[in-house]
Amino acid sequence: MNRILDFIGMSVGGWLGWTLGGWVSIFTAFLVGVVGTAAGLYAARRFRMRFSPRQP
Protein backbone atom coordinates (compact mmCIF):
# COMPACT_ATOMS: atom_id res chain seq x y z
CA MET A 1 0.00 0.00 0.00
CA ASN A 2 2.87 2.36 0.74
CA ARG A 3 4.34 2.00 -2.75
CA ILE A 4 0.99 2.57 -4.40
CA LEU A 5 0.45 5.77 -2.42
CA ASP A 6 3.96 6.94 -3.34
CA PHE A 7 3.31 6.18 -7.01
CA ILE A 8 0.03 8.11 -6.98
CA GLY A 9 1.67 11.10 -5.31
CA MET A 10 4.55 11.09 -7.76
CA SER A 11 2.21 10.78 -10.74
CA VAL A 12 -0.04 13.63 -9.66
CA GLY A 13 2.89 15.88 -8.74
CA GLY A 14 4.68 15.18 -12.01
CA TRP A 15 1.55 15.77 -14.02
CA LEU A 16 0.89 19.10 -12.30
CA GLY A 17 4.48 20.19 -12.80
CA TRP A 18 4.48 19.17 -16.46
CA THR A 19 1.19 20.98 -17.06
CA LEU A 20 2.32 24.17 -15.37
CA GLY A 21 5.76 24.19 -16.99
CA GLY A 22 4.35 23.39 -20.42
CA TRP A 23 3.12 26.94 -20.79
CA VAL A 24 6.71 28.16 -21.06
CA SER A 25 8.67 25.50 -22.96
CA ILE A 26 9.35 21.78 -23.14
CA PHE A 27 12.54 22.07 -21.09
CA THR A 28 10.79 24.07 -18.41
CA ALA A 29 8.01 21.48 -18.39
CA PHE A 30 10.59 18.75 -17.82
CA LEU A 31 12.31 20.58 -14.96
CA VAL A 32 9.09 21.60 -13.24
CA GLY A 33 7.80 18.04 -13.74
CA VAL A 34 10.83 16.64 -11.92
CA VAL A 35 10.30 19.08 -9.06
CA GLY A 36 6.59 18.21 -9.04
CA THR A 37 7.41 14.51 -8.86
CA ALA A 38 9.65 15.07 -5.85
CA ALA A 39 7.02 17.26 -4.19
CA GLY A 40 4.35 14.62 -4.83
CA LEU A 41 6.51 11.94 -3.23
CA TYR A 42 7.16 14.18 -0.24
CA ALA A 43 3.45 14.95 0.14
CA ALA A 44 2.49 11.27 -0.15
CA ARG A 45 4.97 10.26 2.53
CA ARG A 46 3.85 13.06 4.84
CA PHE A 47 0.25 11.99 4.30
CA ARG A 48 1.14 8.38 5.06
CA MET A 49 3.05 9.28 8.23
CA ARG A 50 0.17 11.39 9.47
CA PHE A 51 -2.82 9.19 8.71
CA SER A 52 -1.58 5.60 8.72
CA PRO A 53 -1.87 3.52 11.86
CA ARG A 54 1.36 3.02 13.76
CA GLN A 55 2.98 -0.39 13.78
CA PRO A 56 3.70 -1.80 17.27
C-alpha atoms as a PDB file:
ATOM      1  CA  MET A   1       0.000   0.000   0.000  1.00  0.00           C
ATOM      2  CA  ASN A   2       2.870   2.356   0.739  1.00  0.00           C
ATOM      3  CA  ARG A   3       4.344   2.001  -2.752  1.00  0.00           C
ATOM      4  CA  ILE A   4       0.988   2.569  -4.399  1.00  0.00           C
ATOM      5  CA  LEU A   5       0.450   5.767  -2.423  1.00  0.00           C
ATOM      6  CA  ASP A   6       3.962   6.940  -3.341  1.00  0.00           C
ATOM      7  CA  PHE A   7       3.309   6.176  -7.006  1.00  0.00           C
ATOM      8  CA  ILE A   8       0.030   8.107  -6.982  1.00  0.00           C
ATOM      9  CA  GLY A   9       1.666  11.103  -5.309  1.00  0.00           C
ATOM     10  CA  MET A  10       4.552  11.092  -7.765  1.00  0.00           C
ATOM     11  CA  SER A  11       2.211  10.781 -10.740  1.00  0.00           C
ATOM     12  CA  VAL A  12      -0.044  13.628  -9.658  1.00  0.00           C
ATOM     13  CA  GLY A  13       2.890  15.877  -8.736  1.00  0.00           C
ATOM     14  CA  GLY A  14       4.681  15.182 -12.010  1.00  0.00           C
ATOM     15  CA  TRP A  15       1.552  15.772 -14.023  1.00  0.00           C
ATOM     16  CA  LEU A  16       0.894  19.095 -12.299  1.00  0.00           C
ATOM     17  CA  GLY A  17       4.484  20.189 -12.798  1.00  0.00           C
ATOM     18  CA  TRP A  18       4.482  19.174 -16.457  1.00  0.00           C
ATOM     19  CA  THR A  19       1.186  20.976 -17.064  1.00  0.00           C
ATOM     20  CA  LEU A  20       2.322  24.175 -15.371  1.00  0.00           C
ATOM     21  CA  GLY A  21       5.760  24.190 -16.993  1.00  0.00           C
ATOM     22  CA  GLY A  22       4.350  23.390 -20.422  1.00  0.00           C
ATOM     23  CA  TRP A  23       3.117  26.936 -20.791  1.00  0.00           C
ATOM     24  CA  VAL A  24       6.706  28.162 -21.059  1.00  0.00           C
ATOM     25  CA  SER A  25       8.674  25.504 -22.962  1.00  0.00           C
ATOM     26  CA  ILE A  26       9.348  21.779 -23.144  1.00  0.00           C
ATOM     27  CA  PHE A  27      12.541  22.068 -21.094  1.00  0.00           C
ATOM     28  CA  THR A  28      10.787  24.071 -18.412  1.00  0.00           C
ATOM     29  CA  ALA A  29       8.008  21.479 -18.394  1.00  0.00           C
ATOM     30  CA  PHE A  30      10.593  18.755 -17.821  1.00  0.00           C
ATOM     31  CA  LEU A  31      12.306  20.583 -14.962  1.00  0.00           C
ATOM     32  CA  VAL A  32       9.095  21.597 -13.243  1.00  0.00           C
ATOM     33  CA  GLY A  33       7.799  18.040 -13.744  1.00  0.00           C
ATOM     34  CA  VAL A  34      10.828  16.637 -11.918  1.00  0.00           C
ATOM     35  CA  VAL A  35      10.302  19.076  -9.063  1.00  0.00           C
ATOM     36  CA  GLY A  36       6.593  18.207  -9.038  1.00  0.00           C
ATOM     37  CA  THR A  37       7.406  14.506  -8.856  1.00  0.00           C
ATOM     38  CA  ALA A  38       9.649  15.070  -5.851  1.00  0.00           C
ATOM     39  CA  ALA A  39       7.019  17.256  -4.188  1.00  0.00           C
ATOM     40  CA  GLY A  40       4.352  14.615  -4.829  1.00  0.00           C
ATOM     41  CA  LEU A  41       6.514  11.936  -3.233  1.00  0.00           C
ATOM     42  CA  TYR A  42       7.158  14.176  -0.239  1.00  0.00           C
ATOM     43  CA  ALA A  43       3.455  14.949   0.144  1.00  0.00           C
ATOM     44  CA  ALA A  44       2.493  11.272  -0.154  1.00  0.00           C
ATOM     45  CA  ARG A  45       4.974  10.264   2.534  1.00  0.00           C
ATOM     46  CA  ARG A  46       3.848  13.058   4.844  1.00  0.00           C
ATOM     47  CA  PHE A  47       0.249  11.991   4.298  1.00  0.00           C
ATOM     48  CA  ARG A  48       1.138   8.375   5.058  1.00  0.00           C
ATOM     49  CA  MET A  49       3.046   9.276   8.229  1.00  0.00           C
ATOM     50  CA  ARG A  50       0.170  11.392   9.466  1.00  0.00           C
ATOM     51  CA  PHE A  51      -2.817   9.186   8.709  1.00  0.00           C
ATOM     52  CA  SER A  52      -1.578   5.599   8.716  1.00  0.00           C
ATOM     53  CA  PRO A  53      -1.872   3.517  11.860  1.00  0.00           C
ATOM     54  CA  ARG A  54       1.356   3.018  13.762  1.00  0.00           C
ATOM     55  CA  GLN A  55       2.976  -0.394  13.781  1.00  0.00           C
ATOM     56  CA  PRO A  56       3.697  -1.803  17.273  1.00  0.00           C
END
